[in-house]
Amino acid sequence: MGHCYHHALSSARRWGGTPDDYLALHQWFDESKAITADFRHRALRHHAEGIFMLERFFGVTITLSTGRVVPVRLIGEQHVREDLGFIPSFADWVRSIRPEP
């Protein structure tokens, strides 16, 4: 999935509410595109610890415009799975980084 808005649409389909209810959370994951605008930006937040960081930043739950309460961790897991197909650990990313001589 390419854009935060599309992740937000997916969240709204899954848990209700509107894309605006979710947009800030999905933007947080992809802010690292400001550093490197290709897939490598995902190494900074698209992993299990990144999902827990999202929860620390936004709280354990969010309340949608409809009044429904949704766990933030589930939204983070959705984002990472949509981008990668699974939830890696940070160690998974680090193992793929090869130092130059």
N, C-alpha and C. Protein backbone atom coordinates (compact mmCIF):
# COMPACT_ATOMS: atom_id res chain seq x y z
N MET A 1 0.86 -1.17 0.00
CA MET A 1 0.00 0.00 0.00
C MET A 1 0.91 1.23 0.00
N GLY A 2 0.59 2.20 -0.79
CA GLY A 2 1.51 3.30 -0.98
C GLY A 2 1.32 4.53 -0.14
N HIS A 3 0.11 4.95 0.10
CA HIS A 3 -0.12 6.25 0.74
C HIS A 3 -0.87 6.07 2.05
N CYS A 4 -0.58 6.95 2.99
CA CYS A 4 -1.22 6.90 4.31
C CYS A 4 -2.74 6.94 4.21
N TYR A 5 -3.25 7.71 3.27
CA TYR A 5 -4.70 7.81 3.13
C TYR A 5 -5.32 6.46 2.79
N HIS A 6 -4.63 5.66 1.98
CA HIS A 6 -5.16 4.35 1.63
C HIS A 6 -5.16 3.41 2.84
N HIS A 7 -4.14 3.52 3.68
CA HIS A 7 -4.15 2.77 4.95
C HIS A 7 -5.34 3.22 5.80
N ALA A 8 -5.58 4.53 5.84
CA ALA A 8 -6.69 5.07 6.64
C ALA A 8 -8.04 4.59 6.10
N LEU A 9 -8.19 4.52 4.78
CA LEU A 9 -9.41 3.97 4.19
C LEU A 9 -9.60 2.52 4.61
N SER A 10 -8.53 1.77 4.60
CA SER A 10 -8.58 0.36 5.00
C SER A 10 -8.99 0.24 6.47
N SER A 11 -8.45 1.10 7.32
CA SER A 11 -8.81 1.09 8.74
C SER A 11 -10.29 1.40 8.92
N ALA A 12 -10.78 2.39 8.19
CA ALA A 12 -12.20 2.77 8.30
C ALA A 12 -13.10 1.62 7.85
N ARG A 13 -12.70 0.90 6.82
CA ARG A 13 -13.49 -0.26 6.38
C ARG A 13 -13.49 -1.35 7.46
N ARG A 14 -12.37 -1.49 8.14
CA ARG A 14 -12.22 -2.57 9.12
C ARG A 14 -12.93 -2.26 10.44
N TRP A 15 -12.75 -1.03 10.96
CA TRP A 15 -13.25 -0.71 12.30
C TRP A 15 -14.33 0.36 12.33
N GLY A 16 -14.68 0.91 11.17
CA GLY A 16 -15.69 1.96 11.14
C GLY A 16 -15.06 3.34 11.25
N GLY A 17 -15.91 4.34 11.36
CA GLY A 17 -15.43 5.71 11.41
C GLY A 17 -15.06 6.21 10.03
N THR A 18 -14.25 7.26 10.01
CA THR A 18 -13.82 7.86 8.75
C THR A 18 -12.30 7.76 8.62
N PRO A 19 -11.78 7.91 7.42
CA PRO A 19 -10.32 7.89 7.26
C PRO A 19 -9.62 8.92 8.15
N ASP A 20 -10.25 10.07 8.36
CA ASP A 20 -9.63 11.10 9.21
C ASP A 20 -9.41 10.63 10.64
N ASP A 21 -10.20 9.66 11.10
CA ASP A 21 -10.01 9.12 12.45
C ASP A 21 -8.65 8.43 12.59
N TYR A 22 -8.11 7.94 11.50
CA TYR A 22 -6.90 7.10 11.51
C TYR A 22 -5.68 7.76 10.88
N LEU A 23 -5.88 8.82 10.14
CA LEU A 23 -4.82 9.35 9.29
C LEU A 23 -3.54 9.70 10.05
N ALA A 24 -3.66 10.32 11.21
CA ALA A 24 -2.46 10.72 11.97
C ALA A 24 -1.60 9.51 12.36
N LEU A 25 -2.23 8.40 12.68
CA LEU A 25 -1.47 7.20 13.06
C LEU A 25 -0.70 6.66 11.87
N HIS A 26 -1.35 6.60 10.72
CA HIS A 26 -0.68 6.08 9.53
C HIS A 26 0.40 7.06 9.03
N GLN A 27 0.16 8.33 9.19
CA GLN A 27 1.20 9.32 8.82
C GLN A 27 2.42 9.17 9.71
N TRP A 28 2.22 8.85 10.98
CA TRP A 28 3.35 8.67 11.90
C TRP A 28 4.27 7.57 11.38
N PHE A 29 3.69 6.46 10.93
CA PHE A 29 4.52 5.37 10.41
C PHE A 29 5.35 5.82 9.22
N ASP A 30 4.79 6.66 8.38
CA ASP A 30 5.45 7.00 7.12
C ASP A 30 6.21 8.33 7.15
N GLU A 31 6.30 8.97 8.31
CA GLU A 31 7.10 10.20 8.42
C GLU A 31 8.55 9.96 8.05
N SER A 32 9.01 8.74 8.20
CA SER A 32 10.40 8.43 7.88
C SER A 32 10.69 8.55 6.39
N LYS A 33 9.66 8.72 5.56
CA LYS A 33 9.88 8.98 4.14
C LYS A 33 10.60 10.31 3.93
N ALA A 34 10.58 11.17 4.92
CA ALA A 34 11.31 12.44 4.84
C ALA A 34 12.82 12.21 4.86
N ILE A 35 13.24 11.07 5.38
CA ILE A 35 14.66 10.74 5.47
C ILE A 35 15.11 10.02 4.20
N THR A 36 14.36 9.01 3.81
CA THR A 36 14.65 8.27 2.58
C THR A 36 13.31 7.88 1.95
N ALA A 37 13.09 8.33 0.74
CA ALA A 37 11.78 8.20 0.10
C ALA A 37 11.64 6.91 -0.70
N ASP A 38 12.23 5.83 -0.21
CA ASP A 38 12.01 4.53 -0.83
C ASP A 38 11.69 3.53 0.29
N PHE A 39 11.61 2.25 -0.06
CA PHE A 39 11.18 1.24 0.91
C PHE A 39 12.02 1.20 2.18
N ARG A 40 13.26 1.67 2.13
CA ARG A 40 14.14 1.58 3.30
C ARG A 40 13.64 2.40 4.47
N HIS A 41 12.78 3.39 4.22
CA HIS A 41 12.24 4.18 5.32
C HIS A 41 11.51 3.29 6.32
N ARG A 42 11.00 2.16 5.85
CA ARG A 42 10.23 1.27 6.71
C ARG A 42 11.06 0.64 7.82
N ALA A 43 12.36 0.58 7.66
CA ALA A 43 13.21 -0.02 8.69
C ALA A 43 13.14 0.75 10.01
N LEU A 44 12.73 2.03 9.96
CA LEU A 44 12.72 2.84 11.18
C LEU A 44 11.50 2.60 12.07
N ARG A 45 10.34 2.28 11.47
CA ARG A 45 9.13 2.14 12.29
C ARG A 45 8.27 0.93 11.95
N HIS A 46 8.50 0.30 10.83
CA HIS A 46 7.65 -0.81 10.39
C HIS A 46 8.18 -2.12 10.97
N HIS A 47 8.01 -2.29 12.26
CA HIS A 47 8.40 -3.51 12.97
C HIS A 47 7.65 -3.56 14.29
N ALA A 48 7.83 -4.64 15.04
CA ALA A 48 7.08 -4.85 16.28
C ALA A 48 7.29 -3.70 17.27
N GLU A 49 8.52 -3.27 17.46
CA GLU A 49 8.75 -2.17 18.40
C GLU A 49 8.10 -0.89 17.90
N GLY A 50 8.11 -0.66 16.59
CA GLY A 50 7.46 0.53 16.04
C GLY A 50 5.98 0.56 16.36
N ILE A 51 5.35 -0.61 16.35
CA ILE A 51 3.93 -0.68 16.69
C ILE A 51 3.72 -0.29 18.15
N PHE A 52 4.60 -0.74 19.03
CA PHE A 52 4.49 -0.36 20.44
C PHE A 52 4.82 1.12 20.64
N MET A 53 5.73 1.67 19.82
CA MET A 53 6.02 3.10 19.87
C MET A 53 4.78 3.91 19.49
N LEU A 54 4.06 3.45 18.46
CA LEU A 54 2.82 4.11 18.05
C LEU A 54 1.86 4.20 19.22
N GLU A 55 1.76 3.12 19.96
CA GLU A 55 0.88 3.08 21.13
C GLU A 55 1.33 4.07 22.20
N ARG A 56 2.63 4.21 22.40
CA ARG A 56 3.14 5.19 23.38
C ARG A 56 2.84 6.62 22.95
N PHE A 57 2.92 6.89 21.65
CA PHE A 57 2.66 8.24 21.15
C PHE A 57 1.18 8.60 21.17
N PHE A 58 0.32 7.65 20.81
CA PHE A 58 -1.10 7.95 20.61
C PHE A 58 -2.01 7.40 21.71
N GLY A 59 -1.45 6.62 22.61
CA GLY A 59 -2.27 6.02 23.66
C GLY A 59 -2.67 4.60 23.29
N VAL A 60 -3.23 3.89 24.24
CA VAL A 60 -3.57 2.49 24.05
C VAL A 60 -4.75 2.34 23.09
N THR A 61 -5.66 3.30 23.10
CA THR A 61 -6.82 3.26 22.22
C THR A 61 -7.06 4.64 21.61
N ILE A 62 -7.83 4.66 20.52
CA ILE A 62 -8.36 5.92 19.99
C ILE A 62 -9.88 5.79 19.98
N THR A 63 -10.54 6.91 20.11
CA THR A 63 -11.99 6.94 20.01
C THR A 63 -12.35 7.55 18.67
N LEU A 64 -13.07 6.79 17.87
CA LEU A 64 -13.45 7.22 16.54
C LEU A 64 -14.55 8.28 16.61
N SER A 65 -14.80 8.91 15.49
CA SER A 65 -15.86 9.92 15.40
C SER A 65 -17.24 9.32 15.70
N THR A 66 -17.34 8.01 15.57
CA THR A 66 -18.60 7.31 15.87
C THR A 66 -18.74 6.97 17.35
N GLY A 67 -17.67 7.18 18.11
CA GLY A 67 -17.68 6.82 19.52
C GLY A 67 -17.06 5.46 19.81
N ARG A 68 -16.82 4.67 18.78
CA ARG A 68 -16.19 3.36 18.96
C ARG A 68 -14.75 3.53 19.40
N VAL A 69 -14.30 2.65 20.28
CA VAL A 69 -12.93 2.67 20.78
C VAL A 69 -12.17 1.52 20.10
N VAL A 70 -10.99 1.86 19.53
CA VAL A 70 -10.19 0.87 18.80
C VAL A 70 -8.78 0.85 19.37
N PRO A 71 -8.23 -0.33 19.66
CA PRO A 71 -6.84 -0.42 20.14
C PRO A 71 -5.85 0.08 19.08
N VAL A 72 -4.98 0.96 19.47
CA VAL A 72 -3.98 1.53 18.57
C VAL A 72 -3.05 0.45 18.03
N ARG A 73 -2.73 -0.52 18.85
CA ARG A 73 -1.82 -1.57 18.40
C ARG A 73 -2.39 -2.32 17.20
N LEU A 74 -3.69 -2.54 17.18
CA LEU A 74 -4.30 -3.23 16.03
C LEU A 74 -4.16 -2.42 14.76
N ILE A 75 -4.27 -1.12 14.88
CA ILE A 75 -4.13 -0.23 13.71
C ILE A 75 -2.68 -0.27 13.21
N GLY A 76 -1.73 -0.26 14.13
CA GLY A 76 -0.32 -0.37 13.75
C GLY A 76 -0.01 -1.70 13.08
N GLU A 77 -0.56 -2.78 13.63
CA GLU A 77 -0.35 -4.09 13.02
C GLU A 77 -0.91 -4.13 11.61
N GLN A 78 -2.08 -3.53 11.42
CA GLN A 78 -2.70 -3.47 10.09
C GLN A 78 -1.77 -2.75 9.12
N HIS A 79 -1.23 -1.59 9.52
CA HIS A 79 -0.37 -0.79 8.65
C HIS A 79 0.84 -1.61 8.21
N VAL A 80 1.53 -2.22 9.16
CA VAL A 80 2.76 -2.95 8.84
C VAL A 80 2.44 -4.17 7.98
N ARG A 81 1.38 -4.89 8.30
CA ARG A 81 1.02 -6.06 7.49
C ARG A 81 0.65 -5.66 6.06
N GLU A 82 -0.06 -4.55 5.91
CA GLU A 82 -0.42 -4.12 4.56
C GLU A 82 0.81 -3.76 3.74
N ASP A 83 1.82 -3.20 4.39
CA ASP A 83 3.04 -2.81 3.67
C ASP A 83 4.00 -3.98 3.45
N LEU A 84 4.12 -4.86 4.43
CA LEU A 84 5.15 -5.89 4.36
C LEU A 84 4.62 -7.32 4.26
N GLY A 85 3.37 -7.54 4.61
CA GLY A 85 2.81 -8.88 4.59
C GLY A 85 2.98 -9.63 5.90
N PHE A 86 3.78 -9.10 6.80
CA PHE A 86 4.02 -9.69 8.12
C PHE A 86 4.59 -8.60 9.02
N ILE A 87 4.76 -8.93 10.30
CA ILE A 87 5.33 -7.97 11.24
C ILE A 87 6.73 -8.43 11.63
N PRO A 88 7.75 -7.78 11.08
CA PRO A 88 9.11 -8.16 11.44
C PRO A 88 9.51 -7.56 12.79
N SER A 89 10.59 -8.06 13.33
CA SER A 89 11.20 -7.42 14.49
C SER A 89 12.22 -6.41 13.97
N PHE A 90 12.70 -5.54 14.84
CA PHE A 90 13.77 -4.64 14.41
C PHE A 90 15.00 -5.46 14.03
N ALA A 91 15.23 -6.55 14.76
CA ALA A 91 16.37 -7.41 14.46
C ALA A 91 16.29 -7.96 13.04
N ASP A 92 15.09 -8.23 12.55
CA ASP A 92 14.94 -8.70 11.17
C ASP A 92 15.48 -7.66 10.19
N TRP A 93 15.17 -6.39 10.43
CA TRP A 93 15.68 -5.33 9.57
C TRP A 93 17.20 -5.23 9.68
N VAL A 94 17.72 -5.26 10.88
CA VAL A 94 19.16 -5.09 11.10
C VAL A 94 19.96 -6.21 10.43
N ARG A 95 19.43 -7.43 10.47
CA ARG A 95 20.12 -8.56 9.82
C ARG A 95 20.28 -8.32 8.32
N SER A 96 19.42 -7.52 7.74
CA SER A 96 19.48 -7.26 6.30
C SER A 96 20.43 -6.12 5.93
N ILE A 97 20.92 -5.41 6.92
CA ILE A 97 21.85 -4.31 6.66
C ILE A 97 23.27 -4.84 6.63
N ARG A 98 23.92 -4.63 5.54
CA ARG A 98 25.31 -5.11 5.39
C ARG A 98 26.26 -3.93 5.49
N PRO A 99 27.20 -3.96 6.44
CA PRO A 99 28.17 -2.87 6.54
C PRO A 99 29.13 -2.87 5.34
N GLU A 100 29.51 -1.69 4.96
CA GLU A 100 30.50 -1.58 3.89
C GLU A 100 31.90 -1.64 4.49
N PRO A 101 32.85 -2.18 3.74
CA PRO A 101 34.23 -2.25 4.28
C PRO A 101 34.84 -0.87 4.40
